[in-house]
């Protein structure tokens, strides 16, 4: 809740447009499901990539058009915050991150898919039907 809501002396009044109460619509069921899936994927990606030195994910920010580097815990916290509040956290680019230690969501997804495919090779899923 905004303790200055409706207060003409609100120190942040100039940050909002006229008539903007700062409230966002809650996440839709589809958006909520997407965030839950991202959280589940993040656990898999961290389990597979952290042991080989990957510290987190890099995301191209749509607002500032710059890459943002998130370690695993920070990204998990941001997703949980979005899930509980319906709004993203304010963010800033990491201070002097080493890009070699971060991968994109697409890379992480492809890596996880490759590990999955390797582990399921030769299992009953791929075997021809019994005669």
C-alpha atoms as a PDB file:
ATOM      1  CA  UNK A   1       0.000   0.000   0.000  1.00  0.00           C
ATOM      2  CA  UNK A   2       1.141   3.529  -0.731  1.00  0.00           C
ATOM      3  CA  UNK A   3       1.164   5.528   2.517  1.00  0.00           C
ATOM      4  CA  UNK A   4       0.998   8.753   0.475  1.00  0.00           C
ATOM      5  CA  UNK A   5      -1.952   7.663  -1.689  1.00  0.00           C
ATOM      6  CA  UNK A   6      -4.135  10.728  -2.215  1.00  0.00           C
ATOM      7  CA  UNK A   7      -1.759  12.998  -0.274  1.00  0.00           C
ATOM      8  CA  UNK A   8      -1.091  16.245  -2.189  1.00  0.00           C
ATOM      9  CA  UNK A   9       2.381  16.328  -0.585  1.00  0.00           C
ATOM     10  CA  UNK A  10       3.277  12.873  -1.985  1.00  0.00           C
ATOM     11  CA  UNK A  11       7.036  13.059  -2.705  1.00  0.00           C
ATOM     12  CA  UNK A  12       6.604  10.669  -5.644  1.00  0.00           C
ATOM     13  CA  UNK A  13       3.621  12.504  -7.160  1.00  0.00           C
ATOM     14  CA  UNK A  14       5.708  13.781 -10.056  1.00  0.00           C
ATOM     15  CA  UNK A  15       6.686  10.266 -11.044  1.00  0.00           C
ATOM     16  CA  UNK A  16       3.165   9.288 -12.085  1.00  0.00           C
ATOM     17  CA  UNK A  17       1.017  10.575 -14.879  1.00  0.00           C
ATOM     18  CA  UNK A  18      -2.284  12.322 -14.089  1.00  0.00           C
ATOM     19  CA  UNK A  19      -4.869   9.814 -12.955  1.00  0.00           C
ATOM     20  CA  UNK A  20      -2.262   7.068 -12.620  1.00  0.00           C
ATOM     21  CA  UNK A  21      -2.730   5.400  -9.247  1.00  0.00           C
ATOM     22  CA  UNK A  22       0.327   3.198  -9.760  1.00  0.00           C
ATOM     23  CA  UNK A  23      -1.721   0.006  -9.540  1.00  0.00           C
ATOM     24  CA  UNK A  24      -1.199  -2.782 -12.044  1.00  0.00           C
ATOM     25  CA  UNK A  25      -3.687  -5.418 -12.996  1.00  0.00           C
ATOM     26  CA  UNK A  26      -3.002  -8.748 -11.289  1.00  0.00           C
ATOM     27  CA  UNK A  27      -1.372 -11.478 -13.340  1.00  0.00           C
ATOM     28  CA  UNK A  28      -3.735 -13.415 -15.545  1.00  0.00           C
ATOM     29  CA  UNK A  29      -3.950 -17.173 -15.099  1.00  0.00           C
ATOM     30  CA  UNK A  30      -1.802 -17.619 -18.216  1.00  0.00           C
ATOM     31  CA  UNK A  31       0.832 -15.137 -16.995  1.00  0.00           C
ATOM     32  CA  UNK A  32       0.856 -16.783 -13.581  1.00  0.00           C
ATOM     33  CA  UNK A  33       1.372 -20.204 -15.187  1.00  0.00           C
ATOM     34  CA  UNK A  34       4.213 -18.800 -17.323  1.00  0.00           C
ATOM     35  CA  UNK A  35       5.994 -17.487 -14.214  1.00  0.00           C
ATOM     36  CA  UNK A  36       5.552 -20.837 -12.440  1.00  0.00           C
ATOM     37  CA  UNK A  37       7.014 -22.615 -15.466  1.00  0.00           C
ATOM     38  CA  UNK A  38       9.933 -20.166 -15.541  1.00  0.00           C
ATOM     39  CA  UNK A  39      10.621 -20.915 -11.868  1.00  0.00           C
ATOM     40  CA  UNK A  40      10.586 -24.660 -12.532  1.00  0.00           C
ATOM     41  CA  UNK A  41      12.863 -24.249 -15.557  1.00  0.00           C
ATOM     42  CA  UNK A  42      15.214 -22.053 -13.545  1.00  0.00           C
ATOM     43  CA  UNK A  43      15.719 -24.849 -10.997  1.00  0.00           C
ATOM     44  CA  UNK A  44      16.683 -27.261 -13.773  1.00  0.00           C
ATOM     45  CA  UNK A  45      18.987 -24.770 -15.470  1.00  0.00           C
ATOM     46  CA  UNK A  46      20.783 -23.958 -12.227  1.00  0.00           C
ATOM     47  CA  UNK A  47      21.214 -27.644 -11.361  1.00  0.00           C
ATOM     48  CA  UNK A  48      22.771 -28.320 -14.760  1.00  0.00           C
ATOM     49  CA  UNK A  49      24.751 -25.139 -15.360  1.00  0.00           C
ATOM     50  CA  UNK A  50      26.001 -23.964 -11.958  1.00  0.00           C
ATOM     51  CA  UNK A  51      28.411 -26.934 -11.599  1.00  0.00           C
ATOM     52  CA  UNK A  52      30.139 -25.897 -14.838  1.00  0.00           C
ATOM     53  CA  UNK A  53      30.598 -22.285 -13.711  1.00  0.00           C
ATOM     54  CA  UNK A  54      27.511 -20.539 -15.034  1.00  0.00           C
ATOM     55  CA  UNK A  55      26.430 -17.978 -12.441  1.00  0.00           C
ATOM     56  CA  UNK A  56      23.053 -17.073 -13.908  1.00  0.00           C
ATOM     57  CA  UNK A  57      21.173 -15.808 -16.925  1.00  0.00           C
ATOM     58  CA  UNK A  58      21.479 -12.732 -19.104  1.00  0.00           C
ATOM     59  CA  UNK A  59      18.287 -11.086 -20.308  1.00  0.00           C
ATOM     60  CA  UNK A  60      18.022  -8.362 -22.932  1.00  0.00           C
ATOM     61  CA  UNK A  61      16.008  -5.582 -21.258  1.00  0.00           C
ATOM     62  CA  UNK A  62      13.161  -4.355 -23.446  1.00  0.00           C
ATOM     63  CA  UNK A  63      13.112  -0.970 -21.689  1.00  0.00           C
ATOM     64  CA  UNK A  64      16.770   0.038 -21.855  1.00  0.00           C
ATOM     65  CA  UNK A  65      17.933  -2.307 -24.638  1.00  0.00           C
ATOM     66  CA  UNK A  66      20.891  -3.472 -22.554  1.00  0.00           C
ATOM     67  CA  UNK A  67      21.742  -6.931 -21.255  1.00  0.00           C
ATOM     68  CA  UNK A  68      20.936  -7.508 -17.594  1.00  0.00           C
ATOM     69  CA  UNK A  69      22.864 -10.187 -15.717  1.00  0.00           C
ATOM     70  CA  UNK A  70      21.000 -12.042 -12.978  1.00  0.00           C
ATOM     71  CA  UNK A  71      22.487 -14.623 -10.678  1.00  0.00           C
ATOM     72  CA  UNK A  72      20.290 -17.629  -9.924  1.00  0.00           C
ATOM     73  CA  UNK A  73      18.999 -16.403  -6.560  1.00  0.00           C
ATOM     74  CA  UNK A  74      18.255 -12.868  -7.743  1.00  0.00           C
ATOM     75  CA  UNK A  75      16.323 -14.113 -10.757  1.00  0.00           C
ATOM     76  CA  UNK A  76      14.404 -16.598  -8.607  1.00  0.00           C
ATOM     77  CA  UNK A  77      13.573 -13.795  -6.157  1.00  0.00           C
ATOM     78  CA  UNK A  78      12.420 -11.526  -8.972  1.00  0.00           C
ATOM     79  CA  UNK A  79      10.133 -14.223 -10.368  1.00  0.00           C
ATOM     80  CA  UNK A  80       8.678 -14.963  -6.932  1.00  0.00           C
ATOM     81  CA  UNK A  81       8.104 -11.240  -6.381  1.00  0.00           C
ATOM     82  CA  UNK A  82       6.305 -11.016  -9.723  1.00  0.00           C
ATOM     83  CA  UNK A  83       4.199 -14.021  -8.769  1.00  0.00           C
ATOM     84  CA  UNK A  84       3.200 -12.601  -5.397  1.00  0.00           C
ATOM     85  CA  UNK A  85       2.812  -8.921  -6.276  1.00  0.00           C
ATOM     86  CA  UNK A  86       1.903  -8.970  -9.956  1.00  0.00           C
ATOM     87  CA  UNK A  87       4.582  -6.424 -10.747  1.00  0.00           C
ATOM     88  CA  UNK A  88       8.249  -6.730 -11.676  1.00  0.00           C
ATOM     89  CA  UNK A  89      10.933  -5.348  -9.409  1.00  0.00           C
ATOM     90  CA  UNK A  90      12.818  -2.238 -10.381  1.00  0.00           C
ATOM     91  CA  UNK A  91      16.154  -3.350 -11.724  1.00  0.00           C
ATOM     92  CA  UNK A  92      19.516  -2.000 -12.683  1.00  0.00           C
ATOM     93  CA  UNK A  93      22.277  -3.617 -14.689  1.00  0.00           C
ATOM     94  CA  UNK A  94      24.751  -5.570 -12.580  1.00  0.00           C
ATOM     95  CA  UNK A  95      27.973  -3.819 -11.723  1.00  0.00           C
ATOM     96  CA  UNK A  96      30.776  -5.054 -13.971  1.00  0.00           C
ATOM     97  CA  UNK A  97      29.559  -8.646 -14.513  1.00  0.00           C
ATOM     98  CA  UNK A  98      31.694 -11.096 -16.450  1.00  0.00           C
ATOM     99  CA  UNK A  99      29.478 -12.025 -19.437  1.00  0.00           C
ATOM    100  CA  UNK A 100      31.373 -15.308 -19.796  1.00  0.00           C
ATOM    101  CA  UNK A 101      29.623 -16.559 -16.642  1.00  0.00           C
ATOM    102  CA  UNK A 102      26.049 -15.957 -17.872  1.00  0.00           C
ATOM    103  CA  UNK A 103      23.944 -17.577 -20.582  1.00  0.00           C
ATOM    104  CA  UNK A 104      20.620 -16.718 -22.195  1.00  0.00           C
ATOM    105  CA  UNK A 105      17.321 -18.462 -21.439  1.00  0.00           C
ATOM    106  CA  UNK A 106      17.471 -19.995 -24.924  1.00  0.00           C
ATOM    107  CA  UNK A 107      20.960 -21.383 -24.343  1.00  0.00           C
ATOM    108  CA  UNK A 108      19.929 -22.799 -20.952  1.00  0.00           C
ATOM    109  CA  UNK A 109      16.810 -24.365 -22.490  1.00  0.00           C
ATOM    110  CA  UNK A 110      18.828 -25.894 -25.329  1.00  0.00           C
ATOM    111  CA  UNK A 111      21.434 -27.220 -22.901  1.00  0.00           C
ATOM    112  CA  UNK A 112      18.747 -28.800 -20.725  1.00  0.00           C
ATOM    113  CA  UNK A 113      17.070 -30.320 -23.786  1.00  0.00           C
ATOM    114  CA  UNK A 114      20.417 -31.733 -24.935  1.00  0.00           C
ATOM    115  CA  UNK A 115      21.088 -33.287 -21.527  1.00  0.00           C
ATOM    116  CA  UNK A 116      17.585 -34.750 -21.489  1.00  0.00           C
ATOM    117  CA  UNK A 117      17.989 -36.190 -24.991  1.00  0.00           C
ATOM    118  CA  UNK A 118      21.372 -37.695 -24.084  1.00  0.00           C
ATOM    119  CA  UNK A 119      19.988 -39.297 -20.935  1.00  0.00           C
ATOM    120  CA  UNK A 120      16.977 -40.777 -22.729  1.00  0.00           C
ATOM    121  CA  UNK A 121      18.948 -42.210 -25.669  1.00  0.00           C
ATOM    122  CA  UNK A 122      18.579 -45.953 -25.728  1.00  0.00           C
ATOM    123  CA  UNK A 123      15.778 -46.031 -23.185  1.00  0.00           C
ATOM    124  CA  UNK A 124      12.423 -47.646 -23.759  1.00  0.00           C
ATOM    125  CA  UNK A 125      11.082 -44.329 -25.136  1.00  0.00           C
ATOM    126  CA  UNK A 126      13.305 -44.658 -28.195  1.00  0.00           C
ATOM    127  CA  UNK A 127      13.203 -48.426 -28.538  1.00  0.00           C
ATOM    128  CA  UNK A 128      11.140 -49.968 -31.327  1.00  0.00           C
ATOM    129  CA  UNK A 129       7.920 -51.660 -30.242  1.00  0.00           C
ATOM    130  CA  UNK A 130       8.241 -55.294 -29.099  1.00  0.00           C
ATOM    131  CA  UNK A 131       7.113 -57.936 -31.605  1.00  0.00           C
END
